[in-house]
Amino acid sequence: MNPLQQIDALLPEQCIGQLGQRRQSRREVMPDIDDLCVSRGAIEGRHLWLNTPFLGGGRIFVSDTLLAAMRAKELKGFVVREVREL
């Protein structure tokens, strides 16, 4: 997959670290371990995107609808982690 759509949907102040602390800025967000949160309004109607600016590392975001379709087709090789929306 090569998603070309890049949007700024991350809500860093709503992201929560391992010890329950809220992040203050995008630079503090640790995408591999934090409870991430994105803007529902920013992602509405989208199914596949990259968040920018972000920390990179091949993190692709998909909608629940696309994820369900991928699972129905029994596609393998994806590590999926749920992300909150506000």
PDB file of N, CA and C in Angstrom:
ATOM      1  N   MET A   1       0.834  -1.187   0.000  1.00  0.00           N
ATOM      2  CA  MET A   1       0.000   0.000   0.000  1.00  0.00           C
ATOM      3  C   MET A   1       0.872   1.240   0.000  1.00  0.00           C
ATOM      4  N   ASN A   2       0.435   2.207  -0.740  1.00  0.00           N
ATOM      5  CA  ASN A   2       1.161   3.464  -0.794  1.00  0.00           C
ATOM      6  C   ASN A   2       0.162   4.615  -0.675  1.00  0.00           C
ATOM      7  N   PRO A   3      -0.288   4.912   0.540  1.00  0.00           N
ATOM      8  CA  PRO A   3      -1.261   6.000   0.681  1.00  0.00           C
ATOM      9  C   PRO A   3      -0.614   7.342   0.376  1.00  0.00           C
ATOM     10  N   LEU A   4      -1.244   8.090  -0.500  1.00  0.00           N
ATOM     11  CA  LEU A   4      -0.711   9.396  -0.873  1.00  0.00           C
ATOM     12  C   LEU A   4      -1.439  10.525  -0.155  1.00  0.00           C
ATOM     13  N   GLN A   5      -2.558  10.208   0.483  1.00  0.00           N
ATOM     14  CA  GLN A   5      -3.324  11.221   1.183  1.00  0.00           C
ATOM     15  C   GLN A   5      -2.696  11.457   2.557  1.00  0.00           C
ATOM     16  N   GLN A   6      -2.302  12.688   2.800  1.00  0.00           N
ATOM     17  CA  GLN A   6      -1.698  13.052   4.075  1.00  0.00           C
ATOM     18  C   GLN A   6      -2.529  14.154   4.711  1.00  0.00           C
ATOM     19  N   ILE A   7      -2.936  13.907   5.948  1.00  0.00           N
ATOM     20  CA  ILE A   7      -3.732  14.910   6.658  1.00  0.00           C
ATOM     21  C   ILE A   7      -3.192  15.078   8.071  1.00  0.00           C
ATOM     22  N   ASP A   8      -3.493  16.204   8.659  1.00  0.00           N
ATOM     23  CA  ASP A   8      -3.090  16.485  10.031  1.00  0.00           C
ATOM     24  C   ASP A   8      -4.296  16.225  10.925  1.00  0.00           C
ATOM     25  N   ALA A   9      -4.419  14.995  11.419  1.00  0.00           N
ATOM     26  CA  ALA A   9      -5.586  14.608  12.210  1.00  0.00           C
ATOM     27  C   ALA A   9      -5.258  14.327  13.676  1.00  0.00           C
ATOM     28  N   LEU A  10      -3.981  14.182  13.998  1.00  0.00           N
ATOM     29  CA  LEU A  10      -3.584  13.845  15.354  1.00  0.00           C
ATOM     30  C   LEU A  10      -3.924  14.967  16.330  1.00  0.00           C
ATOM     31  N   LEU A  11      -4.481  14.596  17.475  1.00  0.00           N
ATOM     32  CA  LEU A  11      -4.776  15.546  18.547  1.00  0.00           C
ATOM     33  C   LEU A  11      -3.805  15.261  19.695  1.00  0.00           C
ATOM     34  N   PRO A  12      -2.609  15.861  19.660  1.00  0.00           N
ATOM     35  CA  PRO A  12      -1.583  15.507  20.648  1.00  0.00           C
ATOM     36  C   PRO A  12      -2.022  15.717  22.093  1.00  0.00           C
ATOM     37  N   GLU A  13      -2.821  16.744  22.351  1.00  0.00           N
ATOM     38  CA  GLU A  13      -3.249  17.021  23.727  1.00  0.00           C
ATOM     39  C   GLU A  13      -4.248  15.986  24.238  1.00  0.00           C
ATOM     40  N   GLN A  14      -4.773  15.147  23.350  1.00  0.00           N
ATOM     41  CA  GLN A  14      -5.685  14.076  23.738  1.00  0.00           C
ATOM     42  C   GLN A  14      -4.986  12.708  23.775  1.00  0.00           C
ATOM     43  N   CYS A  15      -3.731  12.660  23.366  1.00  0.00           N
ATOM     44  CA  CYS A  15      -2.958  11.416  23.398  1.00  0.00           C
ATOM     45  C   CYS A  15      -2.475  11.191  24.830  1.00  0.00           C
ATOM     46  N   ILE A  16      -2.520   9.943  25.272  1.00  0.00           N
ATOM     47  CA  ILE A  16      -2.194   9.635  26.660  1.00  0.00           C
ATOM     48  C   ILE A  16      -1.029   8.659  26.711  1.00  0.00           C
ATOM     49  N   GLY A  17      -0.033   8.999  27.520  1.00  0.00           N
ATOM     50  CA  GLY A  17       1.143   8.161  27.691  1.00  0.00           C
ATOM     51  C   GLY A  17       0.881   6.967  28.590  1.00  0.00           C
ATOM     52  N   GLN A  18       1.868   6.106  28.711  1.00  0.00           N
ATOM     53  CA  GLN A  18       1.761   4.879  29.505  1.00  0.00           C
ATOM     54  C   GLN A  18       1.399   5.128  30.961  1.00  0.00           C
ATOM     55  N   LEU A  19       1.854   6.225  31.514  1.00  0.00           N
ATOM     56  CA  LEU A  19       1.604   6.520  32.926  1.00  0.00           C
ATOM     57  C   LEU A  19       0.376   7.406  33.117  1.00  0.00           C
ATOM     58  N   GLY A  20      -0.434   7.556  32.054  1.00  0.00           N
ATOM     59  CA  GLY A  20      -1.665   8.318  32.146  1.00  0.00           C
ATOM     60  C   GLY A  20      -1.514   9.806  31.907  1.00  0.00           C
ATOM     61  N   GLN A  21      -0.330  10.263  31.568  1.00  0.00           N
ATOM     62  CA  GLN A  21      -0.113  11.687  31.352  1.00  0.00           C
ATOM     63  C   GLN A  21      -0.563  12.089  29.946  1.00  0.00           C
ATOM     64  N   ARG A  22      -1.204  13.239  29.844  1.00  0.00           N
ATOM     65  CA  ARG A  22      -1.591  13.783  28.544  1.00  0.00           C
ATOM     66  C   ARG A  22      -0.382  14.451  27.917  1.00  0.00           C
ATOM     67  N   ARG A  23      -0.260  14.268  26.635  1.00  0.00           N
ATOM     68  CA  ARG A  23       0.847  14.896  25.911  1.00  0.00           C
ATOM     69  C   ARG A  23       0.544  16.370  25.693  1.00  0.00           C
ATOM     70  N   GLN A  24       1.578  17.175  25.684  1.00  0.00           N
ATOM     71  CA  GLN A  24       1.423  18.619  25.516  1.00  0.00           C
ATOM     72  C   GLN A  24       1.656  19.069  24.081  1.00  0.00           C
ATOM     73  N   SER A  25       2.437  18.291  23.334  1.00  0.00           N
ATOM     74  CA  SER A  25       2.758  18.679  21.961  1.00  0.00           C
ATOM     75  C   SER A  25       2.968  17.422  21.121  1.00  0.00           C
ATOM     76  N   ARG A  26       2.974  17.614  19.831  1.00  0.00           N
ATOM     77  CA  ARG A  26       3.192  16.525  18.879  1.00  0.00           C
ATOM     78  C   ARG A  26       4.547  15.842  19.111  1.00  0.00           C
ATOM     79  N   ARG A  27       5.543  16.618  19.498  1.00  0.00           N
ATOM     80  CA  ARG A  27       6.884  16.059  19.721  1.00  0.00           C
ATOM     81  C   ARG A  27       6.918  15.073  20.878  1.00  0.00           C
ATOM     82  N   GLU A  28       6.001  15.212  21.835  1.00  0.00           N
ATOM     83  CA  GLU A  28       5.955  14.312  22.989  1.00  0.00           C
ATOM     84  C   GLU A  28       5.251  12.994  22.697  1.00  0.00           C
ATOM     85  N   VAL A  29       4.463  12.949  21.635  1.00  0.00           N
ATOM     86  CA  VAL A  29       3.670  11.750  21.319  1.00  0.00           C
ATOM     87  C   VAL A  29       4.587  10.601  20.931  1.00  0.00           C
ATOM     88  N   MET A  30       4.351   9.454  21.550  1.00  0.00           N
ATOM     89  CA  MET A  30       5.113   8.236  21.257  1.00  0.00           C
ATOM     90  C   MET A  30       4.142   7.250  20.593  1.00  0.00           C
ATOM     91  N   PRO A  31       4.105   7.247  19.260  1.00  0.00           N
ATOM     92  CA  PRO A  31       3.057   6.515  18.543  1.00  0.00           C
ATOM     93  C   PRO A  31       3.026   5.011  18.791  1.00  0.00           C
ATOM     94  N   ASP A  32       4.136   4.427  19.169  1.00  0.00           N
ATOM     95  CA  ASP A  32       4.158   2.978  19.395  1.00  0.00           C
ATOM     96  C   ASP A  32       3.576   2.573  20.744  1.00  0.00           C
ATOM     97  N   ILE A  33       3.522   3.507  21.694  1.00  0.00           N
ATOM     98  CA  ILE A  33       3.045   3.125  23.030  1.00  0.00           C
ATOM     99  C   ILE A  33       1.909   3.985  23.560  1.00  0.00           C
ATOM    100  N   ASP A  34       1.727   5.195  23.043  1.00  0.00           N
ATOM    101  CA  ASP A  34       0.668   6.074  23.546  1.00  0.00           C
ATOM    102  C   ASP A  34      -0.712   5.631  23.060  1.00  0.00           C
ATOM    103  N   ASP A  35      -1.710   6.023  23.822  1.00  0.00           N
ATOM    104  CA  ASP A  35      -3.097   5.890  23.413  1.00  0.00           C
ATOM    105  C   ASP A  35      -3.360   7.094  22.511  1.00  0.00           C
ATOM    106  N   LEU A  36      -3.352   6.870  21.199  1.00  0.00           N
ATOM    107  CA  LEU A  36      -3.465   7.959  20.237  1.00  0.00           C
ATOM    108  C   LEU A  36      -4.912   8.392  20.048  1.00  0.00           C
ATOM    109  N   CYS A  37      -5.075   9.642  19.640  1.00  0.00           N
ATOM    110  CA  CYS A  37      -6.398  10.189  19.387  1.00  0.00           C
ATOM    111  C   CYS A  37      -6.324  11.080  18.146  1.00  0.00           C
ATOM    112  N   VAL A  38      -7.289  10.906  17.240  1.00  0.00           N
ATOM    113  CA  VAL A  38      -7.351  11.722  16.031  1.00  0.00           C
ATOM    114  C   VAL A  38      -8.682  12.460  15.964  1.00  0.00           C
ATOM    115  N   SER A  39      -8.709  13.490  15.158  1.00  0.00           N
ATOM    116  CA  SER A  39      -9.905  14.312  14.972  1.00  0.00           C
ATOM    117  C   SER A  39     -10.887  13.606  14.038  1.00  0.00           C
ATOM    118  N   ARG A  40     -12.061  13.313  14.536  1.00  0.00           N
ATOM    119  CA  ARG A  40     -13.102  12.666  13.726  1.00  0.00           C
ATOM    120  C   ARG A  40     -13.459  13.541  12.523  1.00  0.00           C
ATOM    121  N   GLY A  41     -13.519  14.848  12.721  1.00  0.00           N
ATOM    122  CA  GLY A  41     -13.842  15.756  11.620  1.00  0.00           C
ATOM    123  C   GLY A  41     -12.795  15.742  10.516  1.00  0.00           C
ATOM    124  N   ALA A  42     -11.525  15.610  10.896  1.00  0.00           N
ATOM    125  CA  ALA A  42     -10.446  15.612   9.905  1.00  0.00           C
ATOM    126  C   ALA A  42     -10.413  14.327   9.086  1.00  0.00           C
ATOM    127  N   ILE A  43     -10.824  13.215   9.676  1.00  0.00           N
ATOM    128  CA  ILE A  43     -10.741  11.937   8.960  1.00  0.00           C
ATOM    129  C   ILE A  43     -12.062  11.505   8.336  1.00  0.00           C
ATOM    130  N   GLU A  44     -13.117  12.259   8.560  1.00  0.00           N
ATOM    131  CA  GLU A  44     -14.439  11.895   8.053  1.00  0.00           C
ATOM    132  C   GLU A  44     -14.404  11.671   6.540  1.00  0.00           C
ATOM    133  N   GLY A  45     -14.933  10.526   6.115  1.00  0.00           N
ATOM    134  CA  GLY A  45     -15.005  10.193   4.696  1.00  0.00           C
ATOM    135  C   GLY A  45     -13.719   9.642   4.111  1.00  0.00           C
ATOM    136  N   ARG A  46     -12.693   9.488   4.917  1.00  0.00           N
ATOM    137  CA  ARG A  46     -11.406   8.965   4.433  1.00  0.00           C
ATOM    138  C   ARG A  46     -11.275   7.502   4.853  1.00  0.00           C
ATOM    139  N   HIS A  47     -10.561   6.745   4.044  1.00  0.00           N
ATOM    140  CA  HIS A  47     -10.389   5.332   4.356  1.00  0.00           C
ATOM    141  C   HIS A  47      -8.929   4.919   4.508  1.00  0.00           C
ATOM    142  N   LEU A  48      -8.004   5.694   3.962  1.00  0.00           N
ATOM    143  CA  LEU A  48      -6.583   5.341   4.012  1.00  0.00           C
ATOM    144  C   LEU A  48      -5.781   6.639   3.981  1.00  0.00           C
ATOM    145  N   TRP A  49      -4.932   6.857   4.992  1.00  0.00           N
ATOM    146  CA  TRP A  49      -4.174   8.102   5.023  1.00  0.00           C
ATOM    147  C   TRP A  49      -2.943   7.963   5.913  1.00  0.00           C
ATOM    148  N   LEU A  50      -2.063   8.915   5.742  1.00  0.00           N
ATOM    149  CA  LEU A  50      -0.914   9.112   6.623  1.00  0.00           C
ATOM    150  C   LEU A  50      -1.201  10.371   7.427  1.00  0.00           C
ATOM    151  N   ASN A  51      -0.766  10.394   8.659  1.00  0.00           N
ATOM    152  CA  ASN A  51      -0.915  11.613   9.441  1.00  0.00           C
ATOM    153  C   ASN A  51       0.354  12.435   9.280  1.00  0.00           C
ATOM    154  N   THR A  52       0.203  13.698   8.955  1.00  0.00           N
ATOM    155  CA  THR A  52       1.352  14.564   8.805  1.00  0.00           C
ATOM    156  C   THR A  52       1.043  15.914   9.455  1.00  0.00           C
ATOM    157  N   PRO A  53       1.960  16.563  10.085  1.00  0.00           N
ATOM    158  CA  PRO A  53       3.281  16.016  10.388  1.00  0.00           C
ATOM    159  C   PRO A  53       3.177  14.968  11.493  1.00  0.00           C
ATOM    160  N   PHE A  54       3.978  13.937  11.372  1.00  0.00           N
ATOM    161  CA  PHE A  54       3.966  12.866  12.356  1.00  0.00           C
ATOM    162  C   PHE A  54       5.362  12.286  12.457  1.00  0.00           C
ATOM    163  N   LEU A  55       5.517  11.267  13.240  1.00  0.00           N
ATOM    164  CA  LEU A  55       6.836  10.698  13.475  1.00  0.00           C
ATOM    165  C   LEU A  55       7.257   9.693  12.423  1.00  0.00           C
ATOM    166  N   GLY A  56       6.435   9.459  11.422  1.00  0.00           N
ATOM    167  CA  GLY A  56       6.799   8.551  10.340  1.00  0.00           C
ATOM    168  C   GLY A  56       6.798   7.101  10.766  1.00  0.00           C
ATOM    169  N   GLY A  57       7.700   6.331  10.195  1.00  0.00           N
ATOM    170  CA  GLY A  57       7.838   4.936  10.578  1.00  0.00           C
ATOM    171  C   GLY A  57       6.825   4.003   9.933  1.00  0.00           C
ATOM    172  N   GLY A  58       6.212   4.415   8.834  1.00  0.00           N
ATOM    173  CA  GLY A  58       5.306   3.536   8.128  1.00  0.00           C
ATOM    174  C   GLY A  58       3.950   3.361   8.783  1.00  0.00           C
ATOM    175  N   ARG A  59       3.559   4.284   9.635  1.00  0.00           N
ATOM    176  CA  ARG A  59       2.250   4.180  10.281  1.00  0.00           C
ATOM    177  C   ARG A  59       1.169   4.663   9.339  1.00  0.00           C
ATOM    178  N   ILE A  60       0.351   3.734   8.918  1.00  0.00           N
ATOM    179  CA  ILE A  60      -0.750   4.024   8.009  1.00  0.00           C
ATOM    180  C   ILE A  60      -2.043   3.933   8.804  1.00  0.00           C
ATOM    181  N   PHE A  61      -2.917   4.883   8.586  1.00  0.00           N
ATOM    182  CA  PHE A  61      -4.210   4.885   9.256  1.00  0.00           C
ATOM    183  C   PHE A  61      -5.268   4.418   8.269  1.00  0.00           C
ATOM    184  N   VAL A  62      -6.192   3.584   8.749  1.00  0.00           N
ATOM    185  CA  VAL A  62      -7.299   3.107   7.914  1.00  0.00           C
ATOM    186  C   VAL A  62      -8.604   3.264   8.685  1.00  0.00           C
ATOM    187  N   SER A  63      -9.677   3.404   7.935  1.00  0.00           N
ATOM    188  CA  SER A  63     -10.998   3.506   8.557  1.00  0.00           C
ATOM    189  C   SER A  63     -11.463   2.140   9.038  1.00  0.00           C
ATOM    190  N   ASP A  64     -12.449   2.148   9.906  1.00  0.00           N
ATOM    191  CA  ASP A  64     -13.045   0.886  10.364  1.00  0.00           C
ATOM    192  C   ASP A  64     -13.640   0.126   9.185  1.00  0.00           C
ATOM    193  N   THR A  65     -14.214   0.855   8.234  1.00  0.00           N
ATOM    194  CA  THR A  65     -14.823   0.232   7.060  1.00  0.00           C
ATOM    195  C   THR A  65     -13.780  -0.495   6.218  1.00  0.00           C
ATOM    196  N   LEU A  66     -12.649   0.167   5.960  1.00  0.00           N
ATOM    197  CA  LEU A  66     -11.595  -0.472   5.171  1.00  0.00           C
ATOM    198  C   LEU A  66     -11.006  -1.654   5.932  1.00  0.00           C
ATOM    199  N   LEU A  67     -10.809  -1.520   7.219  1.00  0.00           N
ATOM    200  CA  LEU A  67     -10.269  -2.612   8.015  1.00  0.00           C
ATOM    201  C   LEU A  67     -11.197  -3.830   7.961  1.00  0.00           C
ATOM    202  N   ALA A  68     -12.494  -3.604   8.054  1.00  0.00           N
ATOM    203  CA  ALA A  68     -13.456  -4.708   7.969  1.00  0.00           C
ATOM    204  C   ALA A  68     -13.377  -5.392   6.614  1.00  0.00           C
ATOM    205  N   ALA A  69     -13.223  -4.616   5.552  1.00  0.00           N
ATOM    206  CA  ALA A  69     -13.106  -5.190   4.211  1.00  0.00           C
ATOM    207  C   ALA A  69     -11.816  -6.002   4.069  1.00  0.00           C
ATOM    208  N   MET A  70     -10.728  -5.504   4.641  1.00  0.00           N
ATOM    209  CA  MET A  70      -9.453  -6.225   4.596  1.00  0.00           C
ATOM    210  C   MET A  70      -9.559  -7.546   5.354  1.00  0.00           C
ATOM    211  N   ARG A  71     -10.217  -7.508   6.492  1.00  0.00           N
ATOM    212  CA  ARG A  71     -10.396  -8.737   7.273  1.00  0.00           C
ATOM    213  C   ARG A  71     -11.306  -9.725   6.552  1.00  0.00           C
ATOM    214  N   ALA A  72     -12.351  -9.212   5.894  1.00  0.00           N
ATOM    215  CA  ALA A  72     -13.268 -10.079   5.150  1.00  0.00           C
ATOM    216  C   ALA A  72     -12.544 -10.795   4.007  1.00  0.00           C
ATOM    217  N   LYS A  73     -11.559 -10.123   3.419  1.00  0.00           N
ATOM    218  CA  LYS A  73     -10.758 -10.725   2.344  1.00  0.00           C
ATOM    219  C   LYS A  73      -9.602 -11.554   2.894  1.00  0.00           C
ATOM    220  N   GLU A  74      -9.512 -11.611   4.239  1.00  0.00           N
ATOM    221  CA  GLU A  74      -8.478 -12.371   4.940  1.00  0.00           C
ATOM    222  C   GLU A  74      -7.061 -11.943   4.551  1.00  0.00           C
ATOM    223  N   LEU A  75      -6.890 -10.626   4.357  1.00  0.00           N
ATOM    224  CA  LEU A  75      -5.557 -10.100   4.076  1.00  0.00           C
ATOM    225  C   LEU A  75      -4.712 -10.202   5.334  1.00  0.00           C
ATOM    226  N   LYS A  76      -3.481 -10.555   5.173  1.00  0.00           N
ATOM    227  CA  LYS A  76      -2.585 -10.784   6.306  1.00  0.00           C
ATOM    228  C   LYS A  76      -1.394  -9.833   6.234  1.00  0.00           C
ATOM    229  N   GLY A  77      -0.650  -9.770   7.328  1.00  0.00           N
ATOM    230  CA  GLY A  77       0.580  -9.002   7.356  1.00  0.00           C
ATOM    231  C   GLY A  77       0.444  -7.607   7.930  1.00  0.00           C
ATOM    232  N   PHE A  78      -0.704  -7.294   8.520  1.00  0.00           N
ATOM    233  CA  PHE A  78      -0.925  -5.974   9.085  1.00  0.00           C
ATOM    234  C   PHE A  78      -0.966  -6.054  10.600  1.00  0.00           C
ATOM    235  N   VAL A  79      -0.270  -5.139  11.255  1.00  0.00           N
ATOM    236  CA  VAL A  79      -0.370  -5.001  12.703  1.00  0.00           C
ATOM    237  C   VAL A  79      -1.335  -3.848  12.920  1.00  0.00           C
ATOM    238  N   VAL A  80      -2.436  -4.137  13.588  1.00  0.00           N
ATOM    239  CA  VAL A  80      -3.502  -3.141  13.741  1.00  0.00           C
ATOM    240  C   VAL A  80      -3.635  -2.745  15.201  1.00  0.00           C
ATOM    241  N   ARG A  81      -3.774  -1.451  15.398  1.00  0.00           N
ATOM    242  CA  ARG A  81      -4.006  -0.920  16.728  1.00  0.00           C
ATOM    243  C   ARG A  81      -5.100   0.126  16.652  1.00  0.00           C
ATOM    244  N   GLU A  82      -6.079   0.004  17.508  1.00  0.00           N
ATOM    245  CA  GLU A  82      -7.192   0.962  17.478  1.00  0.00           C
ATOM    246  C   GLU A  82      -6.733   2.325  17.974  1.00  0.00           C
ATOM    247  N   VAL A  83      -7.290   3.364  17.351  1.00  0.00           N
ATOM    248  CA  VAL A  83      -6.980   4.748  17.695  1.00  0.00           C
ATOM    249  C   VAL A  83      -8.302   5.441  18.034  1.00  0.00           C
ATOM    250  N   ARG A  84      -8.305   6.190  19.117  1.00  0.00           N
ATOM    251  CA  ARG A  84      -9.521   6.917  19.502  1.00  0.00           C
ATOM    252  C   ARG A  84      -9.792   8.092  18.563  1.00  0.00           C
ATOM    253  N   GLU A  85     -11.066   8.476  18.488  1.00  0.00           N
ATOM    254  CA  GLU A  85     -11.478   9.634  17.699  1.00  0.00           C
ATOM    255  C   GLU A  85     -12.289  10.571  18.589  1.00  0.00           C
ATOM    256  N   LEU A  86     -12.078  11.848  18.425  1.00  0.00           N
ATOM    257  CA  LEU A  86     -12.884  12.879  19.095  1.00  0.00           C
ATOM    258  C   LEU A  86     -13.344  13.895  18.080  1.00  0.00           C
TER     259      LEU A  86
END
